[in-house]
PDB file of N, CA and C in Angstrom:
ATOM      1  N   THR A   1      47.086 -56.284  88.074  1.00  0.00           N
ATOM      2  CA  THR A   1      46.599 -55.010  88.866  1.00  0.00           C
ATOM      3  C   THR A   1      46.994 -53.955  88.970  1.00  0.00           C
ATOM      4  N   GLU A   2      47.479 -53.623  87.284  1.00  0.00           N
ATOM      5  CA  GLU A   2      47.490 -52.101  87.316  1.00  0.00           C
ATOM      6  C   GLU A   2      46.528 -51.417  86.537  1.00  0.00           C
ATOM      7  N   TYR A   3      45.422 -52.273  86.275  1.00  0.00           N
ATOM      8  CA  TYR A   3      44.423 -51.641  86.448  1.00  0.00           C
ATOM      9  C   TYR A   3      43.984 -51.210  87.714  1.00  0.00           C
ATOM     10  N   TYR A   4      44.107 -51.478  89.189  1.00  0.00           N
ATOM     11  CA  TYR A   4      43.437 -51.117  89.990  1.00  0.00           C
ATOM     12  C   TYR A   4      44.574 -50.247  90.911  1.00  0.00           C
ATOM     13  N   LEU A   5      46.367 -50.398  90.701  1.00  0.00           N
ATOM     14  CA  LEU A   5      47.034 -49.942  91.187  1.00  0.00           C
ATOM     15  C   LEU A   5      48.062 -48.619  90.326  1.00  0.00           C
ATOM     16  N   THR A   6      48.063 -47.211  90.549  1.00  0.00           N
ATOM     17  CA  THR A   6      48.521 -46.538  89.676  1.00  0.00           C
ATOM     18  C   THR A   6      49.610 -45.631  90.848  1.00  0.00           C
ATOM     19  N   ARG A   7      50.871 -45.843  90.549  1.00  0.00           N
ATOM     20  CA  ARG A   7      52.412 -45.026  91.487  1.00  0.00           C
ATOM     21  C   ARG A   7      51.831 -43.668  90.798  1.00  0.00           C
ATOM     22  N   GLU A   8      51.967 -42.558  91.948  1.00  0.00           N
ATOM     23  CA  GLU A   8      51.612 -41.182  91.810  1.00  0.00           C
ATOM     24  C   GLU A   8      52.244 -40.739  90.782  1.00  0.00           C
ATOM     25  N   GLU A   9      53.577 -40.868  90.692  1.00  0.00           N
ATOM     26  CA  GLU A   9      54.746 -40.784  89.625  1.00  0.00           C
ATOM     27  C   GLU A   9      54.298 -40.646  88.382  1.00  0.00           C
ATOM     28  N   ASN A  10      53.292 -41.795  87.789  1.00  0.00           N
ATOM     29  CA  ASN A  10      52.642 -41.988  86.196  1.00  0.00           C
ATOM     30  C   ASN A  10      51.574 -41.245  86.723  1.00  0.00           C
ATOM     31  N   MET A  11      51.178 -40.686  87.221  1.00  0.00           N
ATOM     32  CA  MET A  11      49.681 -39.371  87.314  1.00  0.00           C
ATOM     33  C   MET A  11      49.913 -38.555  86.593  1.00  0.00           C
ATOM     34  N   SER A  12      49.111 -38.205  85.828  1.00  0.00           N
ATOM     35  CA  SER A  12      49.032 -36.335  85.073  1.00  0.00           C
ATOM     36  C   SER A  12      48.572 -35.546  86.248  1.00  0.00           C
ATOM     37  N   SER A  13      49.036 -34.341  85.667  1.00  0.00           N
ATOM     38  CA  SER A  13      48.805 -33.383  87.093  1.00  0.00           C
ATOM     39  C   SER A  13      47.148 -33.058  87.309  1.00  0.00           C
ATOM     40  N   GLU A  14      46.385 -33.504  85.957  1.00  0.00           N
ATOM     41  CA  GLU A  14      44.763 -33.684  86.230  1.00  0.00           C
ATOM     42  C   GLU A  14      44.584 -34.638  87.184  1.00  0.00           C
ATOM     43  N   GLU A  15      45.382 -35.608  87.137  1.00  0.00           N
ATOM     44  CA  GLU A  15      45.100 -37.080  87.755  1.00  0.00           C
ATOM     45  C   GLU A  15      45.268 -37.045  89.642  1.00  0.00           C
ATOM     46  N   LEU A  16      46.210 -36.049  89.551  1.00  0.00           N
ATOM     47  CA  LEU A  16      46.922 -35.719  90.945  1.00  0.00           C
ATOM     48  C   LEU A  16      46.121 -34.887  91.204  1.00  0.00           C
ATOM     49  N   GLY A  17      45.515 -34.010  90.561  1.00  0.00           N
ATOM     50  CA  GLY A  17      44.375 -32.781  91.274  1.00  0.00           C
ATOM     51  C   GLY A  17      43.142 -33.528  91.663  1.00  0.00           C
ATOM     52  N   GLY A  18      42.606 -34.808  91.389  1.00  0.00           N
ATOM     53  CA  GLY A  18      41.796 -35.272  91.416  1.00  0.00           C
ATOM     54  C   GLY A  18      41.710 -35.940  93.002  1.00  0.00           C
ATOM     55  N   LEU A  19      43.295 -36.776  92.846  1.00  0.00           N
ATOM     56  CA  LEU A  19      43.666 -37.461  94.137  1.00  0.00           C
ATOM     57  C   LEU A  19      43.334 -36.722  95.252  1.00  0.00           C
ATOM     58  N   GLU A  20      44.113 -35.633  95.048  1.00  0.00           N
ATOM     59  CA  GLU A  20      44.218 -34.384  95.881  1.00  0.00           C
ATOM     60  C   GLU A  20      42.983 -34.312  96.903  1.00  0.00           C
ATOM     61  N   LYS A  21      41.604 -33.610  95.817  1.00  0.00           N
ATOM     62  CA  LYS A  21      40.870 -33.656  96.285  1.00  0.00           C
ATOM     63  C   LYS A  21      40.020 -35.038  97.070  1.00  0.00           C
ATOM     64  N   LEU A  22      40.272 -35.816  96.270  1.00  0.00           N
ATOM     65  CA  LEU A  22      39.483 -37.450  97.399  1.00  0.00           C
ATOM     66  C   LEU A  22      40.042 -37.713  98.464  1.00  0.00           C
ATOM     67  N   GLN A  23      41.761 -37.285  98.767  1.00  0.00           N
ATOM     68  CA  GLN A  23      42.126 -37.383  99.803  1.00  0.00           C
ATOM     69  C   GLN A  23      41.578 -36.731 100.824  1.00  0.00           C
ATOM     70  N   ALA A  24      41.351 -35.409 100.653  1.00  0.00           N
ATOM     71  CA  ALA A  24      41.090 -34.099 101.092  1.00  0.00           C
ATOM     72  C   ALA A  24      39.603 -34.566 101.861  1.00  0.00           C
ATOM     73  N   TYR A  25      38.831 -34.756 100.973  1.00  0.00           N
ATOM     74  CA  TYR A  25      37.312 -35.637 101.002  1.00  0.00           C
ATOM     75  C   TYR A  25      37.052 -36.708 102.475  1.00  0.00           C
ATOM     76  N   VAL A  26      38.438 -37.764 102.037  1.00  0.00           N
ATOM     77  CA  VAL A  26      38.738 -38.233 102.990  1.00  0.00           C
ATOM     78  C   VAL A  26      38.997 -38.278 103.895  1.00  0.00           C
ATOM     79  N   ASN A  27      39.734 -37.638 104.357  1.00  0.00           N
ATOM     80  CA  ASN A  27      40.209 -37.132 105.247  1.00  0.00           C
ATOM     81  C   ASN A  27      39.192 -36.223 106.376  1.00  0.00           C
ATOM     82  N   GLY A  28      38.742 -35.383 105.884  1.00  0.00           N
ATOM     83  CA  GLY A  28      37.187 -34.904 106.246  1.00  0.00           C
ATOM     84  C   GLY A  28      36.271 -35.826 107.320  1.00  0.00           C
ATOM     85  N   PHE A  29      36.536 -37.323 106.925  1.00  0.00           N
ATOM     86  CA  PHE A  29      35.289 -38.005 107.598  1.00  0.00           C
ATOM     87  C   PHE A  29      35.654 -37.957 109.280  1.00  0.00           C
ATOM     88  N   ALA A  30      34.489 -37.742 109.860  1.00  0.00           N
ATOM     89  CA  ALA A  30      34.755 -38.183 111.281  1.00  0.00           C
ATOM     90  C   ALA A  30      34.904 -39.330 111.473  1.00  0.00           C
ATOM     91  N   PRO A  31      35.588 -40.306 112.570  1.00  0.00           N
ATOM     92  CA  PRO A  31      35.697 -41.378 113.398  1.00  0.00           C
ATOM     93  C   PRO A  31      33.982 -41.539 113.819  1.00  0.00           C
ATOM     94  N   ALA A  32      33.489 -42.850 113.725  1.00  0.00           N
ATOM     95  CA  ALA A  32      32.230 -42.995 114.053  1.00  0.00           C
ATOM     96  C   ALA A  32      32.335 -43.825 115.361  1.00  0.00           C
ATOM     97  N   ARG A  33      31.671 -43.777 116.313  1.00  0.00           N
ATOM     98  CA  ARG A  33      31.163 -44.085 117.984  1.00  0.00           C
ATOM     99  C   ARG A  33      30.807 -45.758 117.663  1.00  0.00           C
ATOM    100  N   CYS A  34      31.602 -46.134 118.274  1.00  0.00           N
ATOM    101  CA  CYS A  34      31.090 -47.616 118.135  1.00  0.00           C
ATOM    102  C   CYS A  34      30.015 -48.106 119.353  1.00  0.00           C
ATOM    103  N   VAL A  35      29.021 -48.473 119.084  1.00  0.00           N
ATOM    104  CA  VAL A  35      27.801 -48.522 120.368  1.00  0.00           C
ATOM    105  C   VAL A  35      27.397 -50.126 120.372  1.00  0.00           C
ATOM    106  N   ASN A  36      27.095 -50.527 121.306  1.00  0.00           N
ATOM    107  CA  ASN A  36      26.377 -51.887 121.379  1.00  0.00           C
ATOM    108  C   ASN A  36      25.107 -52.141 120.835  1.00  0.00           C
ATOM    109  N   ARG A  37      24.476 -53.078 120.951  1.00  0.00           N
ATOM    110  CA  ARG A  37      22.914 -53.269 120.599  1.00  0.00           C
ATOM    111  C   ARG A  37      22.047 -52.387 121.274  1.00  0.00           C
ATOM    112  N   ALA A  38      22.374 -52.041 121.913  1.00  0.00           N
ATOM    113  CA  ALA A  38      21.264 -51.052 122.684  1.00  0.00           C
ATOM    114  C   ALA A  38      21.786 -49.444 122.544  1.00  0.00           C
ATOM    115  N   GLY A  39      22.729 -49.784 121.888  1.00  0.00           N
ATOM    116  CA  GLY A  39      23.228 -48.276 121.341  1.00  0.00           C
ATOM    117  C   GLY A  39      23.933 -47.436 122.265  1.00  0.00           C
ATOM    118  N   GLU A  40      24.494 -47.747 123.299  1.00  0.00           N
ATOM    119  CA  GLU A  40      24.984 -47.475 124.218  1.00  0.00           C
ATOM    120  C   GLU A  40      26.593 -47.774 123.799  1.00  0.00           C
ATOM    121  N   PRO A  41      27.878 -46.709 124.342  1.00  0.00           N
ATOM    122  CA  PRO A  41      28.914 -46.404 123.877  1.00  0.00           C
ATOM    123  C   PRO A  41      29.845 -47.521 124.198  1.00  0.00           C
ATOM    124  N   VAL A  42      30.490 -48.327 123.465  1.00  0.00           N
ATOM    125  CA  VAL A  42      31.579 -49.095 123.579  1.00  0.00           C
ATOM    126  C   VAL A  42      33.020 -48.492 124.422  1.00  0.00           C
ATOM    127  N   VAL A  43      32.928 -48.993 125.545  1.00  0.00           N
ATOM    128  CA  VAL A  43      34.851 -48.402 126.042  1.00  0.00           C
ATOM    129  C   VAL A  43      35.540 -49.172 126.050  1.00  0.00           C
ATOM    130  N   ASP A  44      36.949 -48.941 126.315  1.00  0.00           N
ATOM    131  CA  ASP A  44      37.801 -50.060 126.310  1.00  0.00           C
ATOM    132  C   ASP A  44      38.270 -49.961 127.871  1.00  0.00           C
ATOM    133  N   ALA A  45      39.267 -51.182 128.036  1.00  0.00           N
ATOM    134  CA  ALA A  45      39.404 -51.194 129.484  1.00  0.00           C
ATOM    135  C   ALA A  45      39.625 -50.088 130.247  1.00  0.00           C
ATOM    136  N   LYS A  46      40.276 -48.972 129.944  1.00  0.00           N
ATOM    137  CA  LYS A  46      40.194 -47.936 130.226  1.00  0.00           C
ATOM    138  C   LYS A  46      39.188 -46.950 130.083  1.00  0.00           C
ATOM    139  N   GLY A  47      38.163 -47.166 130.043  1.00  0.00           N
ATOM    140  CA  GLY A  47      37.181 -46.157 129.840  1.00  0.00           C
ATOM    141  C   GLY A  47      37.004 -45.184 129.339  1.00  0.00           C
ATOM    142  N   ILE A  48      37.810 -45.624 128.358  1.00  0.00           N
ATOM    143  CA  ILE A  48      37.613 -44.636 126.938  1.00  0.00           C
ATOM    144  C   ILE A  48      36.654 -45.316 125.358  1.00  0.00           C
ATOM    145  N   GLU A  49      35.951 -44.185 125.177  1.00  0.00           N
ATOM    146  CA  GLU A  49      34.840 -44.524 124.035  1.00  0.00           C
ATOM    147  C   GLU A  49      36.022 -44.734 122.648  1.00  0.00           C
ATOM    148  N   ARG A  50      35.255 -46.497 122.467  1.00  0.00           N
ATOM    149  CA  ARG A  50      36.417 -46.830 120.596  1.00  0.00           C
ATOM    150  C   ARG A  50      35.276 -45.636 119.904  1.00  0.00           C
ATOM    151  N   MET A  51      36.422 -45.407 118.845  1.00  0.00           N
ATOM    152  CA  MET A  51      35.662 -44.954 117.817  1.00  0.00           C
ATOM    153  C   MET A  51      36.558 -45.671 116.288  1.00  0.00           C
ATOM    154  N   GLU A  52      35.980 -45.854 115.377  1.00  0.00           N
ATOM    155  CA  GLU A  52      36.511 -46.513 114.498  1.00  0.00           C
ATOM    156  C   GLU A  52      36.298 -45.629 113.483  1.00  0.00           C
ATOM    157  N   LYS A  53      37.230 -46.232 112.472  1.00  0.00           N
ATOM    158  CA  LYS A  53      37.170 -45.323 110.773  1.00  0.00           C
ATOM    159  C   LYS A  53      35.665 -46.031 110.096  1.00  0.00           C
ATOM    160  N   ARG A  54      35.123 -44.817 109.106  1.00  0.00           N
ATOM    161  CA  ARG A  54      33.690 -45.442 108.828  1.00  0.00           C
ATOM    162  C   ARG A  54      34.343 -46.252 107.569  1.00  0.00           C
ATOM    163  N   LEU A  55      33.184 -46.496 107.081  1.00  0.00           N
ATOM    164  CA  LEU A  55      33.507 -47.332 105.881  1.00  0.00           C
ATOM    165  C   LEU A  55      32.076 -46.945 104.829  1.00  0.00           C
ATOM    166  N   ILE A  56      33.315 -47.151 103.483  1.00  0.00           N
ATOM    167  CA  ILE A  56      32.456 -46.504 102.698  1.00  0.00           C
ATOM    168  C   ILE A  56      31.818 -47.204 101.726  1.00  0.00           C
ATOM    169  N   ASN A  57      30.628 -47.438 101.687  1.00  0.00           N
ATOM    170  CA  ASN A  57      29.690 -48.321 100.738  1.00  0.00           C
ATOM    171  C   ASN A  57      29.968 -47.978  99.363  1.00  0.00           C
ATOM    172  N   THR A  58      30.748 -48.489  98.548  1.00  0.00           N
ATOM    173  CA  THR A  58      31.263 -47.616  96.955  1.00  0.00           C
ATOM    174  C   THR A  58      30.132 -48.291  96.262  1.00  0.00           C
ATOM    175  N   LYS A  59      29.308 -49.891  96.484  1.00  0.00           N
ATOM    176  CA  LYS A  59      28.549 -50.209  96.151  1.00  0.00           C
ATOM    177  C   LYS A  59      27.089 -49.605  95.697  1.00  0.00           C
ATOM    178  N   GLU A  60      26.792 -48.527  97.176  1.00  0.00           N
ATOM    179  CA  GLU A  60      25.590 -47.872  96.717  1.00  0.00           C
ATOM    180  C   GLU A  60      26.327 -46.542  96.174  1.00  0.00           C
ATOM    181  N   LEU A  61      27.148 -46.114  96.302  1.00  0.00           N
ATOM    182  CA  LEU A  61      27.576 -44.793  95.685  1.00  0.00           C
ATOM    183  C   LEU A  61      27.535 -44.856  93.892  1.00  0.00           C
ATOM    184  N   LEU A  62      27.815 -46.092  93.568  1.00  0.00           N
ATOM    185  CA  LEU A  62      27.919 -45.924  92.915  1.00  0.00           C
ATOM    186  C   LEU A  62      26.934 -47.140  91.420  1.00  0.00           C
ATOM    187  N   GLY A  63      25.866 -46.991  92.350  1.00  0.00           N
ATOM    188  CA  GLY A  63      24.534 -48.086  91.855  1.00  0.00           C
ATOM    189  C   GLY A  63      23.770 -46.771  91.583  1.00  0.00           C
TER     190      GLY A  63
END
């Protein structure tokens, strides 16, 4: 798992800069509206519209 996991304290200043840019980019994502098959918003028991985090298709980005 060392290949996939790196502690911030082990990162160089250049790597930390890249991590900060990536975190800022991801934090800028807007939540996705949940909709049913008819395209209507999904609401919870209180009538509040459900929102979820968006998934990033990394295979598509790297392909």
